[in-house]
Amino acid sequence: MKIELTPRQEAYLRGLVETGAYDSVEDAVDDILTPSEDDAWMKPLVDEALADIKSGRAAPWDVNELRRELTSRHPELLDGKDR
């Protein structure tokens, strides 16, 4: 199978090879696309999240709204930035 990558994806994979994390782009892609036993703990959480979405229990959220809420409760997180 041939897959066409975006320039951003290609740069990411090449970066993984350049840093020595992988010997080749092919190795990186293989590792990224192959589920590992270490990831098994996520399956029940993903299944629960998907069920929540399907049932309507999950609600969409807005990053800016979450940031306002968080910084209103914890202004120290702004650390001198504009409030």
PDB file of N, CA and C in Angstrom:
ATOM      1  N   MET A   1       0.841  -1.164   0.000  1.00  0.00           N
ATOM      2  CA  MET A   1       0.000   0.000   0.000  1.00  0.00           C
ATOM      3  C   MET A   1       0.893   1.235   0.000  1.00  0.00           C
ATOM      4  N   LYS A   2       0.497   2.207  -0.768  1.00  0.00           N
ATOM      5  CA  LYS A   2       1.232   3.468  -0.785  1.00  0.00           C
ATOM      6  C   LYS A   2       0.377   4.537  -0.118  1.00  0.00           C
ATOM      7  N   ILE A   3       1.015   5.313   0.736  1.00  0.00           N
ATOM      8  CA  ILE A   3       0.335   6.393   1.439  1.00  0.00           C
ATOM      9  C   ILE A   3       1.106   7.676   1.165  1.00  0.00           C
ATOM     10  N   GLU A   4       0.385   8.724   0.834  1.00  0.00           N
ATOM     11  CA  GLU A   4       1.024  10.011   0.594  1.00  0.00           C
ATOM     12  C   GLU A   4       0.962  10.836   1.872  1.00  0.00           C
ATOM     13  N   LEU A   5       2.124  11.270   2.339  1.00  0.00           N
ATOM     14  CA  LEU A   5       2.200  12.048   3.569  1.00  0.00           C
ATOM     15  C   LEU A   5       2.206  13.538   3.265  1.00  0.00           C
ATOM     16  N   THR A   6       1.711  14.305   4.213  1.00  0.00           N
ATOM     17  CA  THR A   6       1.820  15.756   4.089  1.00  0.00           C
ATOM     18  C   THR A   6       3.275  16.137   4.370  1.00  0.00           C
ATOM     19  N   PRO A   7       3.690  17.312   3.940  1.00  0.00           N
ATOM     20  CA  PRO A   7       5.062  17.742   4.255  1.00  0.00           C
ATOM     21  C   PRO A   7       5.323  17.756   5.767  1.00  0.00           C
ATOM     22  N   ARG A   8       4.337  18.128   6.544  1.00  0.00           N
ATOM     23  CA  ARG A   8       4.492  18.155   8.006  1.00  0.00           C
ATOM     24  C   ARG A   8       4.732  16.749   8.562  1.00  0.00           C
ATOM     25  N   GLN A   9       3.958  15.779   8.077  1.00  0.00           N
ATOM     26  CA  GLN A   9       4.113  14.397   8.531  1.00  0.00           C
ATOM     27  C   GLN A   9       5.480  13.851   8.127  1.00  0.00           C
ATOM     28  N   GLU A  10       5.877  14.176   6.908  1.00  0.00           N
ATOM     29  CA  GLU A  10       7.174  13.710   6.410  1.00  0.00           C
ATOM     30  C   GLU A  10       8.313  14.291   7.260  1.00  0.00           C
ATOM     31  N   ALA A  11       8.219  15.578   7.571  1.00  0.00           N
ATOM     32  CA  ALA A  11       9.247  16.226   8.388  1.00  0.00           C
ATOM     33  C   ALA A  11       9.291  15.617   9.787  1.00  0.00           C
ATOM     34  N   TYR A  12       8.128  15.304  10.333  1.00  0.00           N
ATOM     35  CA  TYR A  12       8.068  14.684  11.660  1.00  0.00           C
ATOM     36  C   TYR A  12       8.794  13.344  11.650  1.00  0.00           C
ATOM     37  N   LEU A  13       8.499  12.520  10.658  1.00  0.00           N
ATOM     38  CA  LEU A  13       9.126  11.202  10.574  1.00  0.00           C
ATOM     39  C   LEU A  13      10.632  11.313  10.349  1.00  0.00           C
ATOM     40  N   ARG A  14      11.040  12.216   9.487  1.00  0.00           N
ATOM     41  CA  ARG A  14      12.482  12.410   9.251  1.00  0.00           C
ATOM     42  C   ARG A  14      13.167  12.898  10.532  1.00  0.00           C
ATOM     43  N   GLY A  15      12.469  13.736  11.285  1.00  0.00           N
ATOM     44  CA  GLY A  15      13.010  14.212  12.554  1.00  0.00           C
ATOM     45  C   GLY A  15      13.233  13.078  13.537  1.00  0.00           C
ATOM     46  N   LEU A  16      12.311  12.118  13.553  1.00  0.00           N
ATOM     47  CA  LEU A  16      12.474  10.956  14.436  1.00  0.00           C
ATOM     48  C   LEU A  16      13.729  10.166  14.085  1.00  0.00           C
ATOM     49  N   VAL A  17      13.999  10.069  12.792  1.00  0.00           N
ATOM     50  CA  VAL A  17      15.194   9.344  12.345  1.00  0.00           C
ATOM     51  C   VAL A  17      16.451  10.167  12.674  1.00  0.00           C
ATOM     52  N   GLU A  18      16.393  11.464  12.406  1.00  0.00           N
ATOM     53  CA  GLU A  18      17.561  12.326  12.653  1.00  0.00           C
ATOM     54  C   GLU A  18      17.960  12.371  14.126  1.00  0.00           C
ATOM     55  N   THR A  19      16.980  12.281  15.015  1.00  0.00           N
ATOM     56  CA  THR A  19      17.302  12.305  16.452  1.00  0.00           C
ATOM     57  C   THR A  19      17.789  10.954  16.949  1.00  0.00           C
ATOM     58  N   GLY A  20      17.707   9.944  16.094  1.00  0.00           N
ATOM     59  CA  GLY A  20      18.171   8.618  16.483  1.00  0.00           C
ATOM     60  C   GLY A  20      17.107   7.763  17.143  1.00  0.00           C
ATOM     61  N   ALA A  21      15.874   8.269  17.201  1.00  0.00           N
ATOM     62  CA  ALA A  21      14.800   7.486  17.805  1.00  0.00           C
ATOM     63  C   ALA A  21      14.497   6.239  16.974  1.00  0.00           C
ATOM     64  N   TYR A  22      14.714   6.336  15.661  1.00  0.00           N
ATOM     65  CA  TYR A  22      14.484   5.212  14.750  1.00  0.00           C
ATOM     66  C   TYR A  22      15.610   5.159  13.740  1.00  0.00           C
ATOM     67  N   ASP A  23      15.858   3.968  13.208  1.00  0.00           N
ATOM     68  CA  ASP A  23      16.898   3.794  12.192  1.00  0.00           C
ATOM     69  C   ASP A  23      16.434   4.254  10.818  1.00  0.00           C
ATOM     70  N   SER A  24      15.121   4.203  10.582  1.00  0.00           N
ATOM     71  CA  SER A  24      14.598   4.583   9.274  1.00  0.00           C
ATOM     72  C   SER A  24      13.170   5.084   9.423  1.00  0.00           C
ATOM     73  N   VAL A  25      12.715   5.787   8.395  1.00  0.00           N
ATOM     74  CA  VAL A  25      11.328   6.247   8.369  1.00  0.00           C
ATOM     75  C   VAL A  25      10.392   5.040   8.412  1.00  0.00           C
ATOM     76  N   GLU A  26      10.766   3.980   7.706  1.00  0.00           N
ATOM     77  CA  GLU A  26       9.933   2.772   7.687  1.00  0.00           C
ATOM     78  C   GLU A  26       9.774   2.192   9.093  1.00  0.00           C
ATOM     79  N   ASP A  27      10.873   2.173   9.861  1.00  0.00           N
ATOM     80  CA  ASP A  27      10.807   1.669  11.241  1.00  0.00           C
ATOM     81  C   ASP A  27       9.880   2.535  12.092  1.00  0.00           C
ATOM     82  N   ALA A  28       9.970   3.846  11.909  1.00  0.00           N
ATOM     83  CA  ALA A  28       9.119   4.761  12.674  1.00  0.00           C
ATOM     84  C   ALA A  28       7.652   4.527  12.351  1.00  0.00           C
ATOM     85  N   VAL A  29       7.333   4.441  11.061  1.00  0.00           N
ATOM     86  CA  VAL A  29       5.943   4.226  10.644  1.00  0.00           C
ATOM     87  C   VAL A  29       5.430   2.890  11.175  1.00  0.00           C
ATOM     88  N   ASP A  30       6.253   1.863  11.072  1.00  0.00           N
ATOM     89  CA  ASP A  30       5.860   0.537  11.560  1.00  0.00           C
ATOM     90  C   ASP A  30       5.546   0.590  13.055  1.00  0.00           C
ATOM     91  N   ASP A  31       6.404   1.247  13.815  1.00  0.00           N
ATOM     92  CA  ASP A  31       6.198   1.333  15.263  1.00  0.00           C
ATOM     93  C   ASP A  31       4.952   2.150  15.600  1.00  0.00           C
ATOM     94  N   ILE A  32       4.759   3.250  14.889  1.00  0.00           N
ATOM     95  CA  ILE A  32       3.614   4.121  15.150  1.00  0.00           C
ATOM     96  C   ILE A  32       2.299   3.423  14.814  1.00  0.00           C
ATOM     97  N   LEU A  33       2.290   2.657  13.742  1.00  0.00           N
ATOM     98  CA  LEU A  33       1.040   2.027  13.289  1.00  0.00           C
ATOM     99  C   LEU A  33       0.755   0.671  13.915  1.00  0.00           C
ATOM    100  N   THR A  34       1.712   0.116  14.623  1.00  0.00           N
ATOM    101  CA  THR A  34       1.518  -1.201  15.219  1.00  0.00           C
ATOM    102  C   THR A  34       1.159  -1.052  16.694  1.00  0.00           C
ATOM    103  N   PRO A  35      -0.066  -1.455  17.062  1.00  0.00           N
ATOM    104  CA  PRO A  35      -0.436  -1.366  18.477  1.00  0.00           C
ATOM    105  C   PRO A  35       0.481  -2.250  19.319  1.00  0.00           C
ATOM    106  N   SER A  36       0.817  -1.789  20.492  1.00  0.00           N
ATOM    107  CA  SER A  36       1.658  -2.598  21.364  1.00  0.00           C
ATOM    108  C   SER A  36       0.855  -3.073  22.562  1.00  0.00           C
ATOM    109  N   GLU A  37       1.381  -4.058  23.226  1.00  0.00           N
ATOM    110  CA  GLU A  37       0.719  -4.562  24.433  1.00  0.00           C
ATOM    111  C   GLU A  37       0.687  -3.477  25.509  1.00  0.00           C
ATOM    112  N   ASP A  38       1.649  -2.558  25.465  1.00  0.00           N
ATOM    113  CA  ASP A  38       1.681  -1.466  26.431  1.00  0.00           C
ATOM    114  C   ASP A  38       0.465  -0.546  26.291  1.00  0.00           C
ATOM    115  N   ASP A  39      -0.154  -0.549  25.116  1.00  0.00           N
ATOM    116  CA  ASP A  39      -1.306   0.311  24.870  1.00  0.00           C
ATOM    117  C   ASP A  39      -2.633  -0.332  25.279  1.00  0.00           C
ATOM    118  N   ALA A  40      -2.593  -1.576  25.715  1.00  0.00           N
ATOM    119  CA  ALA A  40      -3.824  -2.312  26.037  1.00  0.00           C
ATOM    120  C   ALA A  40      -4.636  -1.632  27.138  1.00  0.00           C
ATOM    121  N   TRP A  41      -3.972  -0.942  28.056  1.00  0.00           N
ATOM    122  CA  TRP A  41      -4.681  -0.275  29.147  1.00  0.00           C
ATOM    123  C   TRP A  41      -5.629   0.813  28.636  1.00  0.00           C
ATOM    124  N   MET A  42      -5.368   1.330  27.426  1.00  0.00           N
ATOM    125  CA  MET A  42      -6.190   2.416  26.884  1.00  0.00           C
ATOM    126  C   MET A  42      -7.530   1.949  26.342  1.00  0.00           C
ATOM    127  N   LYS A  43      -7.605   0.701  25.897  1.00  0.00           N
ATOM    128  CA  LYS A  43      -8.811   0.237  25.218  1.00  0.00           C
ATOM    129  C   LYS A  43     -10.082   0.442  26.036  1.00  0.00           C
ATOM    130  N   PRO A  44     -10.127   0.042  27.314  1.00  0.00           N
ATOM    131  CA  PRO A  44     -11.365   0.279  28.064  1.00  0.00           C
ATOM    132  C   PRO A  44     -11.715   1.763  28.181  1.00  0.00           C
ATOM    133  N   LEU A  45     -10.699   2.616  28.285  1.00  0.00           N
ATOM    134  CA  LEU A  45     -10.946   4.057  28.391  1.00  0.00           C
ATOM    135  C   LEU A  45     -11.488   4.613  27.073  1.00  0.00           C
ATOM    136  N   VAL A  46     -10.919   4.161  25.978  1.00  0.00           N
ATOM    137  CA  VAL A  46     -11.395   4.601  24.666  1.00  0.00           C
ATOM    138  C   VAL A  46     -12.812   4.098  24.438  1.00  0.00           C
ATOM    139  N   ASP A  47     -13.071   2.836  24.778  1.00  0.00           N
ATOM    140  CA  ASP A  47     -14.424   2.283  24.629  1.00  0.00           C
ATOM    141  C   ASP A  47     -15.440   3.074  25.450  1.00  0.00           C
ATOM    142  N   GLU A  48     -15.059   3.435  26.670  1.00  0.00           N
ATOM    143  CA  GLU A  48     -15.951   4.214  27.535  1.00  0.00           C
ATOM    144  C   GLU A  48     -16.205   5.605  26.941  1.00  0.00           C
ATOM    145  N   ALA A  49     -15.147   6.228  26.440  1.00  0.00           N
ATOM    146  CA  ALA A  49     -15.290   7.554  25.843  1.00  0.00           C
ATOM    147  C   ALA A  49     -16.182   7.501  24.605  1.00  0.00           C
ATOM    148  N   LEU A  50     -16.003   6.487  23.775  1.00  0.00           N
ATOM    149  CA  LEU A  50     -16.843   6.344  22.582  1.00  0.00           C
ATOM    150  C   LEU A  50     -18.304   6.114  22.965  1.00  0.00           C
ATOM    151  N   ALA A  51     -18.534   5.327  24.005  1.00  0.00           N
ATOM    152  CA  ALA A  51     -19.899   5.103  24.476  1.00  0.00           C
ATOM    153  C   ALA A  51     -20.504   6.406  25.001  1.00  0.00           C
ATOM    154  N   ASP A  52     -19.705   7.214  25.700  1.00  0.00           N
ATOM    155  CA  ASP A  52     -20.187   8.499  26.192  1.00  0.00           C
ATOM    156  C   ASP A  52     -20.572   9.422  25.040  1.00  0.00           C
ATOM    157  N   ILE A  53     -19.765   9.436  23.998  1.00  0.00           N
ATOM    158  CA  ILE A  53     -20.066  10.261  22.832  1.00  0.00           C
ATOM    159  C   ILE A  53     -21.353   9.793  22.179  1.00  0.00           C
ATOM    160  N   LYS A  54     -21.463   8.484  21.997  1.00  0.00           N
ATOM    161  CA  LYS A  54     -22.638   7.918  21.329  1.00  0.00           C
ATOM    162  C   LYS A  54     -23.922   8.191  22.111  1.00  0.00           C
ATOM    163  N   SER A  55     -23.837   8.140  23.448  1.00  0.00           N
ATOM    164  CA  SER A  55     -25.030   8.329  24.279  1.00  0.00           C
ATOM    165  C   SER A  55     -25.353   9.805  24.519  1.00  0.00           C
ATOM    166  N   GLY A  56     -24.432  10.693  24.143  1.00  0.00           N
ATOM    167  CA  GLY A  56     -24.669  12.114  24.369  1.00  0.00           C
ATOM    168  C   GLY A  56     -24.160  12.609  25.709  1.00  0.00           C
ATOM    169  N   ARG A  57     -23.520  11.744  26.502  1.00  0.00           N
ATOM    170  CA  ARG A  57     -22.995  12.169  27.808  1.00  0.00           C
ATOM    171  C   ARG A  57     -21.757  13.052  27.663  1.00  0.00           C
ATOM    172  N   ALA A  58     -21.061  12.932  26.549  1.00  0.00           N
ATOM    173  CA  ALA A  58     -19.881  13.767  26.326  1.00  0.00           C
ATOM    174  C   ALA A  58     -20.327  15.081  25.697  1.00  0.00           C
ATOM    175  N   ALA A  59     -19.728  16.169  26.141  1.00  0.00           N
ATOM    176  CA  ALA A  59     -20.088  17.486  25.620  1.00  0.00           C
ATOM    177  C   ALA A  59     -18.882  18.119  24.934  1.00  0.00           C
ATOM    178  N   PRO A  60     -19.117  18.863  23.870  1.00  0.00           N
ATOM    179  CA  PRO A  60     -17.997  19.544  23.232  1.00  0.00           C
ATOM    180  C   PRO A  60     -17.430  20.607  24.172  1.00  0.00           C
ATOM    181  N   TRP A  61     -16.154  20.938  23.992  1.00  0.00           N
ATOM    182  CA  TRP A  61     -15.541  21.949  24.837  1.00  0.00           C
ATOM    183  C   TRP A  61     -14.733  22.903  23.991  1.00  0.00           C
ATOM    184  N   ASP A  62     -14.525  24.067  24.550  1.00  0.00           N
ATOM    185  CA  ASP A  62     -13.816  25.133  23.863  1.00  0.00           C
ATOM    186  C   ASP A  62     -12.524  25.412  24.631  1.00  0.00           C
ATOM    187  N   VAL A  63     -11.401  25.366  23.945  1.00  0.00           N
ATOM    188  CA  VAL A  63     -10.101  25.541  24.590  1.00  0.00           C
ATOM    189  C   VAL A  63     -10.014  26.894  25.292  1.00  0.00           C
ATOM    190  N   ASN A  64     -10.483  27.937  24.641  1.00  0.00           N
ATOM    191  CA  ASN A  64     -10.412  29.267  25.250  1.00  0.00           C
ATOM    192  C   ASN A  64     -11.277  29.357  26.502  1.00  0.00           C
ATOM    193  N   GLU A  65     -12.446  28.741  26.464  1.00  0.00           N
ATOM    194  CA  GLU A  65     -13.322  28.729  27.636  1.00  0.00           C
ATOM    195  C   GLU A  65     -12.663  27.966  28.787  1.00  0.00           C
ATOM    196  N   LEU A  66     -12.046  26.843  28.474  1.00  0.00           N
ATOM    197  CA  LEU A  66     -11.351  26.079  29.508  1.00  0.00           C
ATOM    198  C   LEU A  66     -10.186  26.868  30.098  1.00  0.00           C
ATOM    199  N   ARG A  67      -9.457  27.574  29.248  1.00  0.00           N
ATOM    200  CA  ARG A  67      -8.336  28.380  29.736  1.00  0.00           C
ATOM    201  C   ARG A  67      -8.831  29.479  30.676  1.00  0.00           C
ATOM    202  N   ARG A  68      -9.919  30.171  30.283  1.00  0.00           N
ATOM    203  CA  ARG A  68     -10.483  31.219  31.149  1.00  0.00           C
ATOM    204  C   ARG A  68     -10.903  30.646  32.493  1.00  0.00           C
ATOM    205  N   GLU A  69     -11.563  29.514  32.459  1.00  0.00           N
ATOM    206  CA  GLU A  69     -12.023  28.866  33.698  1.00  0.00           C
ATOM    207  C   GLU A  69     -10.840  28.485  34.574  1.00  0.00           C
ATOM    208  N   LEU A  70      -9.846  27.874  33.981  1.00  0.00           N
ATOM    209  CA  LEU A  70      -8.677  27.423  34.732  1.00  0.00           C
ATOM    210  C   LEU A  70      -7.925  28.602  35.342  1.00  0.00           C
ATOM    211  N   THR A  71      -7.698  29.636  34.539  1.00  0.00           N
ATOM    212  CA  THR A  71      -6.934  30.767  35.057  1.00  0.00           C
ATOM    213  C   THR A  71      -7.741  31.611  36.036  1.00  0.00           C
ATOM    214  N   SER A  72      -9.070  31.557  35.961  1.00  0.00           N
ATOM    215  CA  SER A  72      -9.856  32.274  36.970  1.00  0.00           C
ATOM    216  C   SER A  72      -9.763  31.559  38.313  1.00  0.00           C
ATOM    217  N   ARG A  73      -9.634  30.245  38.275  1.00  0.00           N
ATOM    218  CA  ARG A  73      -9.495  29.479  39.519  1.00  0.00           C
ATOM    219  C   ARG A  73      -8.058  29.466  40.026  1.00  0.00           C
ATOM    220  N   HIS A  74      -7.111  29.564  39.103  1.00  0.00           N
ATOM    221  CA  HIS A  74      -5.685  29.479  39.439  1.00  0.00           C
ATOM    222  C   HIS A  74      -4.914  30.585  38.720  1.00  0.00           C
ATOM    223  N   PRO A  75      -5.077  31.844  39.148  1.00  0.00           N
ATOM    224  CA  PRO A  75      -4.416  32.956  38.455  1.00  0.00           C
ATOM    225  C   PRO A  75      -2.891  32.842  38.449  1.00  0.00           C
ATOM    226  N   GLU A  76      -2.339  32.077  39.377  1.00  0.00           N
ATOM    227  CA  GLU A  76      -0.881  31.916  39.407  1.00  0.00           C
ATOM    228  C   GLU A  76      -0.356  31.227  38.153  1.00  0.00           C
ATOM    229  N   LEU A  77      -1.219  30.563  37.422  1.00  0.00           N
ATOM    230  CA  LEU A  77      -0.802  29.890  36.194  1.00  0.00           C
ATOM    231  C   LEU A  77      -0.457  30.889  35.092  1.00  0.00           C
ATOM    232  N   LEU A  78      -0.977  32.087  35.209  1.00  0.00           N
ATOM    233  CA  LEU A  78      -0.676  33.102  34.193  1.00  0.00           C
ATOM    234  C   LEU A  78       0.772  33.561  34.299  1.00  0.00           C
ATOM    235  N   ASP A  79       1.331  33.520  35.492  1.00  0.00           N
ATOM    236  CA  ASP A  79       2.748  33.814  35.710  1.00  0.00           C
ATOM    237  C   ASP A  79       3.211  35.097  35.018  1.00  0.00           C
ATOM    238  N   GLY A  80       2.510  36.198  35.296  1.00  0.00           N
ATOM    239  CA  GLY A  80       2.895  37.482  34.752  1.00  0.00           C
ATOM    240  C   GLY A  80       2.345  37.779  33.372  1.00  0.00           C
ATOM    241  N   LYS A  81       1.599  36.853  32.771  1.00  0.00           N
ATOM    242  CA  LYS A  81       1.025  37.095  31.442  1.00  0.00           C
ATOM    243  C   LYS A  81      -0.260  37.900  31.617  1.00  0.00           C
ATOM    244  N   ASP A  82      -0.725  38.477  30.529  1.00  0.00           N
ATOM    245  CA  ASP A  82      -1.966  39.251  30.573  1.00  0.00           C
ATOM    246  C   ASP A  82      -3.106  38.403  31.096  1.00  0.00           C
ATOM    247  N   ARG A  83      -3.891  39.031  31.926  1.00  0.00           N
ATOM    248  CA  ARG A  83      -5.047  38.340  32.484  1.00  0.00           C
ATOM    249  C   ARG A  83      -6.215  38.698  31.650  1.00  0.00           C
TER     250      ARG A  83
END
